[in-house]
PDB file of N, CA and C in Angstrom:
ATOM      1  N   GLN A   1     367.484  93.977 358.307  1.00  0.00           N
ATOM      2  CA  GLN A   1     366.719  92.766 358.019  1.00  0.00           C
ATOM      3  C   GLN A   1     366.614  92.594 356.514  1.00  0.00           C
ATOM      4  N   VAL A   2     367.173  91.480 356.037  1.00  0.00           N
ATOM      5  CA  VAL A   2     367.152  91.199 354.615  1.00  0.00           C
ATOM      6  C   VAL A   2     365.760  90.723 354.202  1.00  0.00           C
ATOM      7  N   GLN A   3     365.290  91.274 353.131  1.00  0.00           N
ATOM      8  CA  GLN A   3     363.963  90.889 352.673  1.00  0.00           C
ATOM      9  C   GLN A   3     363.890  90.914 351.145  1.00  0.00           C
ATOM     10  N   LEU A   4     363.278  89.878 350.586  1.00  0.00           N
ATOM     11  CA  LEU A   4     362.973  89.821 349.164  1.00  0.00           C
ATOM     12  C   LEU A   4     361.478  89.567 349.037  1.00  0.00           C
ATOM     13  N   VAL A   5     360.820  90.374 348.255  1.00  0.00           N
ATOM     14  CA  VAL A   5     359.376  90.249 348.099  1.00  0.00           C
ATOM     15  C   VAL A   5     359.040  90.161 346.619  1.00  0.00           C
ATOM     16  N   GLU A   6     358.491  89.009 346.228  1.00  0.00           N
ATOM     17  CA  GLU A   6     358.089  88.818 344.841  1.00  0.00           C
ATOM     18  C   GLU A   6     356.646  89.280 344.634  1.00  0.00           C
ATOM     19  N   SER A   7     356.361  89.663 343.413  1.00  0.00           N
ATOM     20  CA  SER A   7     354.990  90.010 343.027  1.00  0.00           C
ATOM     21  C   SER A   7     354.833  89.778 341.532  1.00  0.00           C
ATOM     22  N   GLY A   8     353.595  89.777 341.095  1.00  0.00           N
ATOM     23  CA  GLY A   8     353.327  89.654 339.667  1.00  0.00           C
ATOM     24  C   GLY A   8     352.838  88.305 339.207  1.00  0.00           C
ATOM     25  N   GLY A   9     352.797  87.334 340.106  1.00  0.00           N
ATOM     26  CA  GLY A   9     352.298  86.027 339.724  1.00  0.00           C
ATOM     27  C   GLY A   9     350.795  86.053 339.515  1.00  0.00           C
ATOM     28  N   GLY A  10     350.271  84.947 339.010  1.00  0.00           N
ATOM     29  CA  GLY A  10     348.835  84.863 338.795  1.00  0.00           C
ATOM     30  C   GLY A  10     348.471  83.759 337.841  1.00  0.00           C
ATOM     31  N   LEU A  11     347.238  83.829 337.359  1.00  0.00           N
ATOM     32  CA  LEU A  11     346.705  82.844 336.419  1.00  0.00           C
ATOM     33  C   LEU A  11     346.727  83.439 335.017  1.00  0.00           C
ATOM     34  N   VAL A  12     347.264  82.682 334.076  1.00  0.00           N
ATOM     35  CA  VAL A  12     347.362  83.167 332.699  1.00  0.00           C
ATOM     36  C   VAL A  12     347.135  81.994 331.758  1.00  0.00           C
ATOM     37  N   GLN A  13     346.585  82.274 330.602  1.00  0.00           N
ATOM     38  CA  GLN A  13     346.394  81.225 329.614  1.00  0.00           C
ATOM     39  C   GLN A  13     347.696  80.899 328.908  1.00  0.00           C
ATOM     40  N   ALA A  14     347.789  79.696 328.438  1.00  0.00           N
ATOM     41  CA  ALA A  14     348.966  79.291 327.672  1.00  0.00           C
ATOM     42  C   ALA A  14     349.169  80.241 326.497  1.00  0.00           C
ATOM     43  N   GLY A  15     350.423  80.622 326.306  1.00  0.00           N
ATOM     44  CA  GLY A  15     350.761  81.581 325.268  1.00  0.00           C
ATOM     45  C   GLY A  15     350.809  83.013 325.757  1.00  0.00           C
ATOM     46  N   GLY A  16     350.310  83.241 326.953  1.00  0.00           N
ATOM     47  CA  GLY A  16     350.292  84.573 327.522  1.00  0.00           C
ATOM     48  C   GLY A  16     351.603  84.958 328.175  1.00  0.00           C
ATOM     49  N   SER A  17     351.583  86.124 328.816  1.00  0.00           N
ATOM     50  CA  SER A  17     352.794  86.673 329.436  1.00  0.00           C
ATOM     51  C   SER A  17     352.509  87.147 330.853  1.00  0.00           C
ATOM     52  N   LEU A  18     353.536  87.107 331.668  1.00  0.00           N
ATOM     53  CA  LEU A  18     353.516  87.681 333.006  1.00  0.00           C
ATOM     54  C   LEU A  18     354.876  88.295 333.271  1.00  0.00           C
ATOM     55  N   ARG A  19     354.882  89.302 334.134  1.00  0.00           N
ATOM     56  CA  ARG A  19     356.144  89.900 334.561  1.00  0.00           C
ATOM     57  C   ARG A  19     356.230  89.812 336.073  1.00  0.00           C
ATOM     58  N   LEU A  20     357.218  89.081 336.542  1.00  0.00           N
ATOM     59  CA  LEU A  20     357.463  88.966 337.973  1.00  0.00           C
ATOM     60  C   LEU A  20     358.444  90.044 338.408  1.00  0.00           C
ATOM     61  N   SER A  21     358.198  90.581 339.590  1.00  0.00           N
ATOM     62  CA  SER A  21     359.096  91.568 340.174  1.00  0.00           C
ATOM     63  C   SER A  21     359.573  91.076 341.527  1.00  0.00           C
ATOM     64  N   CYS A  22     360.750  91.508 341.896  1.00  0.00           N
ATOM     65  CA  CYS A  22     361.319  91.144 343.195  1.00  0.00           C
ATOM     66  C   CYS A  22     361.964  92.388 343.783  1.00  0.00           C
ATOM     67  N   ALA A  23     361.453  92.804 344.925  1.00  0.00           N
ATOM     68  CA  ALA A  23     361.982  93.976 345.604  1.00  0.00           C
ATOM     69  C   ALA A  23     362.898  93.528 346.727  1.00  0.00           C
ATOM     70  N   ALA A  24     364.121  94.038 346.722  1.00  0.00           N
ATOM     71  CA  ALA A  24     365.118  93.662 347.713  1.00  0.00           C
ATOM     72  C   ALA A  24     365.363  94.801 348.678  1.00  0.00           C
ATOM     73  N   SER A  25     365.575  94.447 349.932  1.00  0.00           N
ATOM     74  CA  SER A  25     365.906  95.452 350.939  1.00  0.00           C
ATOM     75  C   SER A  25     366.749  94.824 352.029  1.00  0.00           C
ATOM     76  N   GLY A  26     367.482  95.659 352.742  1.00  0.00           N
ATOM     77  CA  GLY A  26     368.213  95.191 353.905  1.00  0.00           C
ATOM     78  C   GLY A  26     369.580  94.614 353.639  1.00  0.00           C
ATOM     79  N   HIS A  27     370.039  94.628 352.379  1.00  0.00           N
ATOM     80  CA  HIS A  27     371.389  94.170 352.102  1.00  0.00           C
ATOM     81  C   HIS A  27     371.906  94.878 350.864  1.00  0.00           C
ATOM     82  N   THR A  28     373.178  94.716 350.602  1.00  0.00           N
ATOM     83  CA  THR A  28     373.806  95.394 349.470  1.00  0.00           C
ATOM     84  C   THR A  28     373.449  94.640 348.198  1.00  0.00           C
ATOM     85  N   PHE A  29     372.299  94.936 347.684  1.00  0.00           N
ATOM     86  CA  PHE A  29     371.748  94.197 346.556  1.00  0.00           C
ATOM     87  C   PHE A  29     372.654  94.247 345.337  1.00  0.00           C
ATOM     88  N   SER A  30     373.229  95.398 345.058  1.00  0.00           N
ATOM     89  CA  SER A  30     373.954  95.595 343.808  1.00  0.00           C
ATOM     90  C   SER A  30     375.295  94.875 343.749  1.00  0.00           C
ATOM     91  N   SER A  31     375.768  94.319 344.861  1.00  0.00           N
ATOM     92  CA  SER A  31     377.084  93.693 344.873  1.00  0.00           C
ATOM     93  C   SER A  31     377.045  92.198 344.586  1.00  0.00           C
ATOM     94  N   GLY A  32     375.873  91.632 344.403  1.00  0.00           N
ATOM     95  CA  GLY A  32     375.787  90.190 344.198  1.00  0.00           C
ATOM     96  C   GLY A  32     374.861  89.797 343.065  1.00  0.00           C
ATOM     97  N   ALA A  33     374.955  88.532 342.712  1.00  0.00           N
ATOM     98  CA  ALA A  33     374.097  88.000 341.661  1.00  0.00           C
ATOM     99  C   ALA A  33     372.655  87.861 342.151  1.00  0.00           C
ATOM    100  N   ALA A  34     371.757  87.719 341.196  1.00  0.00           N
ATOM    101  CA  ALA A  34     370.342  87.473 341.510  1.00  0.00           C
ATOM    102  C   ALA A  34     369.832  86.385 340.586  1.00  0.00           C
ATOM    103  N   GLY A  35     368.850  85.655 341.071  1.00  0.00           N
ATOM    104  CA  GLY A  35     368.326  84.573 340.253  1.00  0.00           C
ATOM    105  C   GLY A  35     366.866  84.303 340.513  1.00  0.00           C
ATOM    106  N   TRP A  36     366.276  83.568 339.588  1.00  0.00           N
ATOM    107  CA  TRP A  36     364.911  83.082 339.749  1.00  0.00           C
ATOM    108  C   TRP A  36     364.936  81.559 339.684  1.00  0.00           C
ATOM    109  N   PHE A  37     364.228  80.962 340.592  1.00  0.00           N
ATOM    110  CA  PHE A  37     364.042  79.521 340.623  1.00  0.00           C
ATOM    111  C   PHE A  37     362.547  79.238 340.678  1.00  0.00           C
ATOM    112  N   ARG A  38     362.166  78.015 340.398  1.00  0.00           N
ATOM    113  CA  ARG A  38     360.752  77.657 340.493  1.00  0.00           C
ATOM    114  C   ARG A  38     360.604  76.247 341.019  1.00  0.00           C
ATOM    115  N   GLN A  39     359.462  75.989 341.616  1.00  0.00           N
ATOM    116  CA  GLN A  39     359.187  74.664 342.161  1.00  0.00           C
ATOM    117  C   GLN A  39     357.741  74.300 341.891  1.00  0.00           C
ATOM    118  N   ALA A  40     357.566  73.237 341.133  1.00  0.00           N
ATOM    119  CA  ALA A  40     356.245  72.709 340.851  1.00  0.00           C
ATOM    120  C   ALA A  40     355.881  71.670 341.905  1.00  0.00           C
ATOM    121  N   PRO A  41     354.614  71.414 342.109  1.00  0.00           N
ATOM    122  CA  PRO A  41     354.205  70.433 343.122  1.00  0.00           C
ATOM    123  C   PRO A  41     354.858  69.076 342.888  1.00  0.00           C
ATOM    124  N   GLY A  42     355.446  68.539 343.942  1.00  0.00           N
ATOM    125  CA  GLY A  42     356.058  67.228 343.856  1.00  0.00           C
ATOM    126  C   GLY A  42     357.407  67.186 343.175  1.00  0.00           C
ATOM    127  N   LYS A  43     357.926  68.368 342.825  1.00  0.00           N
ATOM    128  CA  LYS A  43     359.214  68.409 342.143  1.00  0.00           C
ATOM    129  C   LYS A  43     360.218  69.233 342.936  1.00  0.00           C
ATOM    130  N   GLU A  44     361.487  69.053 342.608  1.00  0.00           N
ATOM    131  CA  GLU A  44     362.536  69.818 343.261  1.00  0.00           C
ATOM    132  C   GLU A  44     362.582  71.243 342.702  1.00  0.00           C
ATOM    133  N   ARG A  45     363.160  72.126 343.507  1.00  0.00           N
ATOM    134  CA  ARG A  45     363.333  73.496 343.046  1.00  0.00           C
ATOM    135  C   ARG A  45     364.285  73.499 341.844  1.00  0.00           C
ATOM    136  N   GLN A  46     363.932  74.283 340.848  1.00  0.00           N
ATOM    137  CA  GLN A  46     364.618  74.249 339.565  1.00  0.00           C
ATOM    138  C   GLN A  46     365.124  75.641 339.193  1.00  0.00           C
ATOM    139  N   PHE A  47     366.317  75.691 338.667  1.00  0.00           N
ATOM    140  CA  PHE A  47     366.895  76.946 338.200  1.00  0.00           C
ATOM    141  C   PHE A  47     366.123  77.454 336.980  1.00  0.00           C
ATOM    142  N   VAL A  48     365.874  78.760 336.948  1.00  0.00           N
ATOM    143  CA  VAL A  48     365.197  79.377 335.808  1.00  0.00           C
ATOM    144  C   VAL A  48     366.118  80.355 335.084  1.00  0.00           C
ATOM    145  N   ALA A  49     366.655  81.317 335.845  1.00  0.00           N
ATOM    146  CA  ALA A  49     367.497  82.345 335.221  1.00  0.00           C
ATOM    147  C   ALA A  49     368.338  83.008 336.289  1.00  0.00           C
ATOM    148  N   ALA A  50     369.473  83.550 335.870  1.00  0.00           N
ATOM    149  CA  ALA A  50     370.365  84.254 336.784  1.00  0.00           C
ATOM    150  C   ALA A  50     371.009  85.424 336.060  1.00  0.00           C
ATOM    151  N   ILE A  51     371.349  86.427 336.852  1.00  0.00           N
ATOM    152  CA  ILE A  51     371.994  87.623 336.308  1.00  0.00           C
ATOM    153  C   ILE A  51     373.090  88.031 337.283  1.00  0.00           C
ATOM    154  N   ASN A  52     374.264  88.359 336.765  1.00  0.00           N
ATOM    155  CA  ASN A  52     375.347  88.710 337.670  1.00  0.00           C
ATOM    156  C   ASN A  52     375.124  90.114 338.234  1.00  0.00           C
ATOM    157  N   TRP A  53     376.040  90.551 339.089  1.00  0.00           N
ATOM    158  CA  TRP A  53     375.822  91.770 339.848  1.00  0.00           C
ATOM    159  C   TRP A  53     375.639  93.003 338.963  1.00  0.00           C
ATOM    160  N   SER A  54     376.318  93.033 337.841  1.00  0.00           N
ATOM    161  CA  SER A  54     376.257  94.223 336.983  1.00  0.00           C
ATOM    162  C   SER A  54     375.206  94.115 335.892  1.00  0.00           C
ATOM    163  N   GLY A  55     374.678  92.922 335.694  1.00  0.00           N
ATOM    164  CA  GLY A  55     373.738  92.720 334.603  1.00  0.00           C
ATOM    165  C   GLY A  55     374.400  92.391 333.289  1.00  0.00           C
ATOM    166  N   SER A  56     375.698  92.215 333.291  1.00  0.00           N
ATOM    167  CA  SER A  56     376.435  91.977 332.049  1.00  0.00           C
ATOM    168  C   SER A  56     376.424  90.512 331.630  1.00  0.00           C
ATOM    169  N   THR A  57     376.095  89.637 332.562  1.00  0.00           N
ATOM    170  CA  THR A  57     376.092  88.202 332.270  1.00  0.00           C
ATOM    171  C   THR A  57     374.770  87.601 332.727  1.00  0.00           C
ATOM    172  N   ILE A  58     374.141  86.866 331.838  1.00  0.00           N
ATOM    173  CA  ILE A  58     372.823  86.280 332.100  1.00  0.00           C
ATOM    174  C   ILE A  58     372.812  84.831 331.651  1.00  0.00           C
ATOM    175  N   PHE A  59     372.146  84.003 332.430  1.00  0.00           N
ATOM    176  CA  PHE A  59     371.997  82.590 332.084  1.00  0.00           C
ATOM    177  C   PHE A  59     370.528  82.205 332.187  1.00  0.00           C
ATOM    178  N   TYR A  60     370.123  81.256 331.363  1.00  0.00           N
ATOM    179  CA  TYR A  60     368.770  80.725 331.407  1.00  0.00           C
ATOM    180  C   TYR A  60     368.798  79.214 331.390  1.00  0.00           C
ATOM    181  N   ALA A  61     367.795  78.630 332.018  1.00  0.00           N
ATOM    182  CA  ALA A  61     367.584  77.199 331.837  1.00  0.00           C
ATOM    183  C   ALA A  61     367.137  76.967 330.399  1.00  0.00           C
ATOM    184  N   ASP A  62     367.485  75.815 329.863  1.00  0.00           N
ATOM    185  CA  ASP A  62     367.131  75.516 328.478  1.00  0.00           C
ATOM    186  C   ASP A  62     365.617  75.579 328.255  1.00  0.00           C
ATOM    187  N   SER A  63     364.864  75.228 329.275  1.00  0.00           N
ATOM    188  CA  SER A  63     363.416  75.157 329.133  1.00  0.00           C
ATOM    189  C   SER A  63     362.746  76.520 328.992  1.00  0.00           C
ATOM    190  N   VAL A  64     363.462  77.591 329.356  1.00  0.00           N
ATOM    191  CA  VAL A  64     362.854  78.923 329.278  1.00  0.00           C
ATOM    192  C   VAL A  64     363.594  79.854 328.327  1.00  0.00           C
ATOM    193  N   ARG A  65     364.704  79.407 327.812  1.00  0.00           N
ATOM    194  CA  ARG A  65     365.504  80.252 326.931  1.00  0.00           C
ATOM    195  C   ARG A  65     364.683  80.719 325.752  1.00  0.00           C
ATOM    196  N   ALA A  66     364.829  81.947 325.379  1.00  0.00           N
ATOM    197  CA  ALA A  66     364.123  82.592 324.259  1.00  0.00           C
ATOM    198  C   ALA A  66     362.678  82.950 324.606  1.00  0.00           C
ATOM    199  N   ARG A  67     362.226  82.565 325.801  1.00  0.00           N
ATOM    200  CA  ARG A  67     360.873  82.951 326.223  1.00  0.00           C
ATOM    201  C   ARG A  67     360.887  83.880 327.436  1.00  0.00           C
ATOM    202  N   PHE A  68     361.853  83.688 328.327  1.00  0.00           N
ATOM    203  CA  PHE A  68     361.937  84.479 329.546  1.00  0.00           C
ATOM    204  C   PHE A  68     363.101  85.469 329.446  1.00  0.00           C
ATOM    205  N   ILE A  69     362.949  86.592 330.138  1.00  0.00           N
ATOM    206  CA  ILE A  69     364.013  87.592 330.189  1.00  0.00           C
ATOM    207  C   ILE A  69     364.190  88.056 331.625  1.00  0.00           C
ATOM    208  N   ILE A  70     365.409  87.913 332.135  1.00  0.00           N
ATOM    209  CA  ILE A  70     365.726  88.404 333.468  1.00  0.00           C
ATOM    210  C   ILE A  70     366.426  89.747 333.343  1.00  0.00           C
ATOM    211  N   SER A  71     366.132  90.640 334.277  1.00  0.00           N
ATOM    212  CA  SER A  71     366.793  91.943 334.279  1.00  0.00           C
ATOM    213  C   SER A  71     366.849  92.442 335.713  1.00  0.00           C
ATOM    214  N   ARG A  72     367.649  93.479 335.919  1.00  0.00           N
ATOM    215  CA  ARG A  72     367.766  94.041 337.255  1.00  0.00           C
ATOM    216  C   ARG A  72     367.930  95.544 337.185  1.00  0.00           C
ATOM    217  N   ASP A  73     367.518  96.192 338.233  1.00  0.00           N
ATOM    218  CA  ASP A  73     367.662  97.633 338.399  1.00  0.00           C
ATOM    219  C   ASP A  73     368.343  97.842 339.739  1.00  0.00           C
ATOM    220  N   ASN A  74     369.655  98.005 339.715  1.00  0.00           N
ATOM    221  CA  ASN A  74     370.404  98.116 340.967  1.00  0.00           C
ATOM    222  C   ASN A  74     370.052  99.393 341.737  1.00  0.00           C
ATOM    223  N   ALA A  75     369.764 100.442 341.035  1.00  0.00           N
ATOM    224  CA  ALA A  75     369.408 101.689 341.716  1.00  0.00           C
ATOM    225  C   ALA A  75     368.097 101.536 342.487  1.00  0.00           C
ATOM    226  N   GLY A  76     367.196 100.727 341.943  1.00  0.00           N
ATOM    227  CA  GLY A  76     365.908 100.517 342.589  1.00  0.00           C
ATOM    228  C   GLY A  76     365.798  99.250 343.395  1.00  0.00           C
ATOM    229  N   ASN A  77     366.913  98.483 343.458  1.00  0.00           N
ATOM    230  CA  ASN A  77     366.936  97.222 344.202  1.00  0.00           C
ATOM    231  C   ASN A  77     365.837  96.267 343.720  1.00  0.00           C
ATOM    232  N   MET A  78     365.746  96.128 342.412  1.00  0.00           N
ATOM    233  CA  MET A  78     364.703  95.288 341.830  1.00  0.00           C
ATOM    234  C   MET A  78     365.302  94.258 340.870  1.00  0.00           C
ATOM    235  N   VAL A  79     364.648  93.113 340.824  1.00  0.00           N
ATOM    236  CA  VAL A  79     364.943  92.087 339.825  1.00  0.00           C
ATOM    237  C   VAL A  79     363.623  91.724 339.158  1.00  0.00           C
ATOM    238  N   TYR A  80     363.692  91.486 337.852  1.00  0.00           N
ATOM    239  CA  TYR A  80     362.484  91.195 337.110  1.00  0.00           C
ATOM    240  C   TYR A  80     362.634  89.895 336.315  1.00  0.00           C
ATOM    241  N   LEU A  81     361.502  89.275 336.057  1.00  0.00           N
ATOM    242  CA  LEU A  81     361.477  88.126 335.153  1.00  0.00           C
ATOM    243  C   LEU A  81     360.278  88.302 334.231  1.00  0.00           C
ATOM    244  N   GLN A  82     360.566  88.638 332.991  1.00  0.00           N
ATOM    245  CA  GLN A  82     359.523  88.740 331.974  1.00  0.00           C
ATOM    246  C   GLN A  82     359.321  87.359 331.366  1.00  0.00           C
ATOM    247  N   MET A  83     358.109  86.854 331.460  1.00  0.00           N
ATOM    248  CA  MET A  83     357.810  85.506 330.980  1.00  0.00           C
ATOM    249  C   MET A  83     356.824  85.592 329.820  1.00  0.00           C
ATOM    250  N   ASN A  84     357.263  85.159 328.675  1.00  0.00           N
ATOM    251  CA  ASN A  84     356.444  85.193 327.468  1.00  0.00           C
ATOM    252  C   ASN A  84     356.177  83.777 326.963  1.00  0.00           C
ATOM    253  N   SER A  85     355.174  83.650 326.119  1.00  0.00           N
ATOM    254  CA  SER A  85     354.832  82.348 325.517  1.00  0.00           C
ATOM    255  C   SER A  85     354.745  81.262 326.576  1.00  0.00           C
ATOM    256  N   LEU A  86     354.019  81.555 327.617  1.00  0.00           N
ATOM    257  CA  LEU A  86     353.955  80.638 328.756  1.00  0.00           C
ATOM    258  C   LEU A  86     353.309  79.319 328.368  1.00  0.00           C
ATOM    259  N   LYS A  87     353.832  78.254 328.960  1.00  0.00           N
ATOM    260  CA  LYS A  87     353.364  76.902 328.711  1.00  0.00           C
ATOM    261  C   LYS A  87     352.799  76.305 330.001  1.00  0.00           C
ATOM    262  N   LEU A  88     352.018  75.254 329.844  1.00  0.00           N
ATOM    263  CA  LEU A  88     351.440  74.598 331.021  1.00  0.00           C
ATOM    264  C   LEU A  88     352.537  74.180 332.002  1.00  0.00           C
ATOM    265  N   GLU A  89     353.654  73.715 331.460  1.00  0.00           N
ATOM    266  CA  GLU A  89     354.731  73.224 332.314  1.00  0.00           C
ATOM    267  C   GLU A  89     355.488  74.332 333.039  1.00  0.00           C
ATOM    268  N   ASP A  90     355.156  75.583 332.784  1.00  0.00           N
ATOM    269  CA  ASP A  90     355.742  76.688 333.536  1.00  0.00           C
ATOM    270  C   ASP A  90     355.026  76.923 334.855  1.00  0.00           C
ATOM    271  N   THR A  91     353.934  76.227 335.084  1.00  0.00           N
ATOM    272  CA  THR A  91     353.191  76.363 336.333  1.00  0.00           C
ATOM    273  C   THR A  91     354.064  75.944 337.508  1.00  0.00           C
ATOM    274  N   ALA A  92     354.210  76.854 338.468  1.00  0.00           N
ATOM    275  CA  ALA A  92     355.072  76.599 339.626  1.00  0.00           C
ATOM    276  C   ALA A  92     355.020  77.813 340.550  1.00  0.00           C
ATOM    277  N   VAL A  93     355.603  77.647 341.714  1.00  0.00           N
ATOM    278  CA  VAL A  93     355.893  78.788 342.580  1.00  0.00           C
ATOM    279  C   VAL A  93     357.275  79.308 342.178  1.00  0.00           C
ATOM    280  N   TYR A  94     357.353  80.588 341.919  1.00  0.00           N
ATOM    281  CA  TYR A  94     358.596  81.209 341.477  1.00  0.00           C
ATOM    282  C   TYR A  94     359.230  81.979 342.630  1.00  0.00           C
ATOM    283  N   TYR A  95     360.521  81.735 342.824  1.00  0.00           N
ATOM    284  CA  TYR A  95     361.265  82.341 343.908  1.00  0.00           C
ATOM    285  C   TYR A  95     362.369  83.234 343.365  1.00  0.00           C
ATOM    286  N   CYS A  96     362.485  84.389 343.979  1.00  0.00           N
ATOM    287  CA  CYS A  96     363.601  85.291 343.713  1.00  0.00           C
ATOM    288  C   CYS A  96     364.683  85.009 344.760  1.00  0.00           C
ATOM    289  N   ALA A  97     365.934  85.109 344.358  1.00  0.00           N
ATOM    290  CA  ALA A  97     367.029  84.881 345.290  1.00  0.00           C
ATOM    291  C   ALA A  97     368.187  85.813 344.958  1.00  0.00           C
ATOM    292  N   THR A  98     368.920  86.201 345.977  1.00  0.00           N
ATOM    293  CA  THR A  98     370.107  87.016 345.761  1.00  0.00           C
ATOM    294  C   THR A  98     371.302  86.391 346.465  1.00  0.00           C
ATOM    295  N   ALA A  99     372.460  86.669 345.919  1.00  0.00           N
ATOM    296  CA  ALA A  99     373.684  86.071 346.434  1.00  0.00           C
ATOM    297  C   ALA A  99     374.704  87.146 346.728  1.00  0.00           C
ATOM    298  N   ARG A 100     375.655  86.801 347.578  1.00  0.00           N
ATOM    299  CA  ARG A 100     376.741  87.728 347.870  1.00  0.00           C
ATOM    300  C   ARG A 100     377.858  87.624 346.826  1.00  0.00           C
ATOM    301  N   THR A 101     377.851  86.571 346.061  1.00  0.00           N
ATOM    302  CA  THR A 101     378.940  86.318 345.141  1.00  0.00           C
ATOM    303  C   THR A 101     378.942  87.296 343.973  1.00  0.00           C
ATOM    304  N   THR A 102     380.150  87.630 343.514  1.00  0.00           N
ATOM    305  CA  THR A 102     380.311  88.432 342.308  1.00  0.00           C
ATOM    306  C   THR A 102     380.647  87.547 341.121  1.00  0.00           C
ATOM    307  N   SER A 103     380.513  86.253 341.309  1.00  0.00           N
ATOM    308  CA  SER A 103     380.798  85.306 340.232  1.00  0.00           C
ATOM    309  C   SER A 103     379.894  85.545 339.034  1.00  0.00           C
ATOM    310  N   SER A 104     380.440  85.244 337.868  1.00  0.00           N
ATOM    311  CA  SER A 104     379.670  85.287 336.627  1.00  0.00           C
ATOM    312  C   SER A 104     379.682  83.932 335.939  1.00  0.00           C
ATOM    313  N   LEU A 105     379.908  82.893 336.721  1.00  0.00           N
ATOM    314  CA  LEU A 105     379.982  81.543 336.160  1.00  0.00           C
ATOM    315  C   LEU A 105     378.614  80.865 336.232  1.00  0.00           C
ATOM    316  N   ARG A 106     378.212  80.247 335.133  1.00  0.00           N
ATOM    317  CA  ARG A 106     376.939  79.545 335.114  1.00  0.00           C
ATOM    318  C   ARG A 106     376.905  78.431 336.150  1.00  0.00           C
ATOM    319  N   ALA A 107     378.016  77.726 336.277  1.00  0.00           N
ATOM    320  CA  ALA A 107     378.078  76.615 337.229  1.00  0.00           C
ATOM    321  C   ALA A 107     377.796  77.086 338.647  1.00  0.00           C
ATOM    322  N   THR A 108     378.152  78.318 338.935  1.00  0.00           N
ATOM    323  CA  THR A 108     377.909  78.869 340.263  1.00  0.00           C
ATOM    324  C   THR A 108     376.488  79.391 340.397  1.00  0.00           C
ATOM    325  N   LEU A 109     376.049  80.171 339.439  1.00  0.00           N
ATOM    326  CA  LEU A 109     374.790  80.896 339.578  1.00  0.00           C
ATOM    327  C   LEU A 109     373.555  80.053 339.276  1.00  0.00           C
ATOM    328  N   SER A 110     373.736  78.873 338.756  1.00  0.00           N
ATOM    329  CA  SER A 110     372.581  78.039 338.428  1.00  0.00           C
ATOM    330  C   SER A 110     372.206  77.058 339.531  1.00  0.00           C
ATOM    331  N   VAL A 111     372.875  77.144 340.656  1.00  0.00           N
ATOM    332  CA  VAL A 111     372.553  76.242 341.768  1.00  0.00           C
ATOM    333  C   VAL A 111     372.057  77.049 342.951  1.00  0.00           C
ATOM    334  N   SER A 112     371.088  76.497 343.649  1.00  0.00           N
ATOM    335  CA  SER A 112     370.439  77.243 344.728  1.00  0.00           C
ATOM    336  C   SER A 112     371.377  77.526 345.892  1.00  0.00           C
ATOM    337  N   THR A 113     372.390  76.709 346.064  1.00  0.00           N
ATOM    338  CA  THR A 113     373.298  76.885 347.200  1.00  0.00           C
ATOM    339  C   THR A 113     374.142  78.146 347.084  1.00  0.00           C
ATOM    340  N   ALA A 114     374.183  78.761 345.915  1.00  0.00           N
ATOM    341  CA  ALA A 114     374.942  80.000 345.741  1.00  0.00           C
ATOM    342  C   ALA A 114     374.223  81.207 346.336  1.00  0.00           C
ATOM    343  N   TYR A 115     372.960  81.048 346.644  1.00  0.00           N
ATOM    344  CA  TYR A 115     372.125  82.174 347.029  1.00  0.00           C
ATOM    345  C   TYR A 115     371.867  82.198 348.535  1.00  0.00           C
ATOM    346  N   ALA A 116     372.042  83.381 349.106  1.00  0.00           N
ATOM    347  CA  ALA A 116     371.925  83.522 350.555  1.00  0.00           C
ATOM    348  C   ALA A 116     370.524  83.939 350.990  1.00  0.00           C
ATOM    349  N   TYR A 117     369.838  84.644 350.121  1.00  0.00           N
ATOM    350  CA  TYR A 117     368.544  85.203 350.513  1.00  0.00           C
ATOM    351  C   TYR A 117     367.472  84.787 349.511  1.00  0.00           C
ATOM    352  N   TRP A 118     366.285  84.505 350.049  1.00  0.00           N
ATOM    353  CA  TRP A 118     365.182  84.022 349.223  1.00  0.00           C
ATOM    354  C   TRP A 118     363.895  84.758 349.568  1.00  0.00           C
ATOM    355  N   GLY A 119     363.072  84.945 348.555  1.00  0.00           N
ATOM    356  CA  GLY A 119     361.745  85.479 348.788  1.00  0.00           C
ATOM    357  C   GLY A 119     360.778  84.372 349.179  1.00  0.00           C
ATOM    358  N   GLN A 120     359.544  84.752 349.408  1.00  0.00           N
ATOM    359  CA  GLN A 120     358.532  83.801 349.863  1.00  0.00           C
ATOM    360  C   GLN A 120     357.876  83.058 348.694  1.00  0.00           C
ATOM    361  N   GLY A 121     358.105  83.537 347.499  1.00  0.00           N
ATOM    362  CA  GLY A 121     357.561  82.871 346.321  1.00  0.00           C
ATOM    363  C   GLY A 121     356.267  83.489 345.839  1.00  0.00           C
ATOM    364  N   THR A 122     356.025  83.377 344.545  1.00  0.00           N
ATOM    365  CA  THR A 122     354.771  83.836 343.952  1.00  0.00           C
ATOM    366  C   THR A 122     354.281  82.761 342.985  1.00  0.00           C
ATOM    367  N   GLN A 123     353.003  82.454 343.061  1.00  0.00           N
ATOM    368  CA  GLN A 123     352.437  81.373 342.266  1.00  0.00           C
ATOM    369  C   GLN A 123     352.160  81.832 340.843  1.00  0.00           C
ATOM    370  N   VAL A 124     352.611  81.027 339.901  1.00  0.00           N
ATOM    371  CA  VAL A 124     352.284  81.236 338.490  1.00  0.00           C
ATOM    372  C   VAL A 124     351.541  79.992 338.016  1.00  0.00           C
ATOM    373  N   THR A 125     350.346  80.187 337.512  1.00  0.00           N
ATOM    374  CA  THR A 125     349.536  79.085 337.014  1.00  0.00           C
ATOM    375  C   THR A 125     349.177  79.350 335.558  1.00  0.00           C
ATOM    376  N   VAL A 126     349.551  78.419 334.694  1.00  0.00           N
ATOM    377  CA  VAL A 126     349.259  78.545 333.269  1.00  0.00           C
ATOM    378  C   VAL A 126     348.166  77.541 332.930  1.00  0.00           C
ATOM    379  N   SER A 127     347.087  78.032 332.356  1.00  0.00           N
ATOM    380  CA  SER A 127     345.952  77.169 332.028  1.00  0.00           C
ATOM    381  C   SER A 127     345.826  76.984 330.516  1.00  0.00           C
ATOM    382  N   SER A 128     345.159  75.912 330.151  1.00  0.00           N
ATOM    383  CA  SER A 128     344.992  75.621 328.718  1.00  0.00           C
ATOM    384  C   SER A 128     343.782  76.334 328.144  1.00  0.00           C
TER     385      SER A 128
END
């Protein structure tokens, strides 16, 4: 049974930091890409960051570049998203996703259709 479980969300003031974690089980986590997406109320799900299977290639949405850091621990079946300098507009439910693809192309990894497995989401709320 494939399972992704996010944790680490919460309420933080603007300018603060949070670290999201995603624990994967039930599939060959290390053979595919992983990504983070987010969805704010009334908006479509949006790409945040992606990392290829080995961790050698990373992509970020322009809105989070230089503030967020994605990483993975294949031995521990974990994916992380370090979020710094948080802004009000970062408020959303954040989803972890994993894919079977070994692609390292941004065009592939930045779209939700590339991902086969999704977590339940964790709420991040940034206050002023």
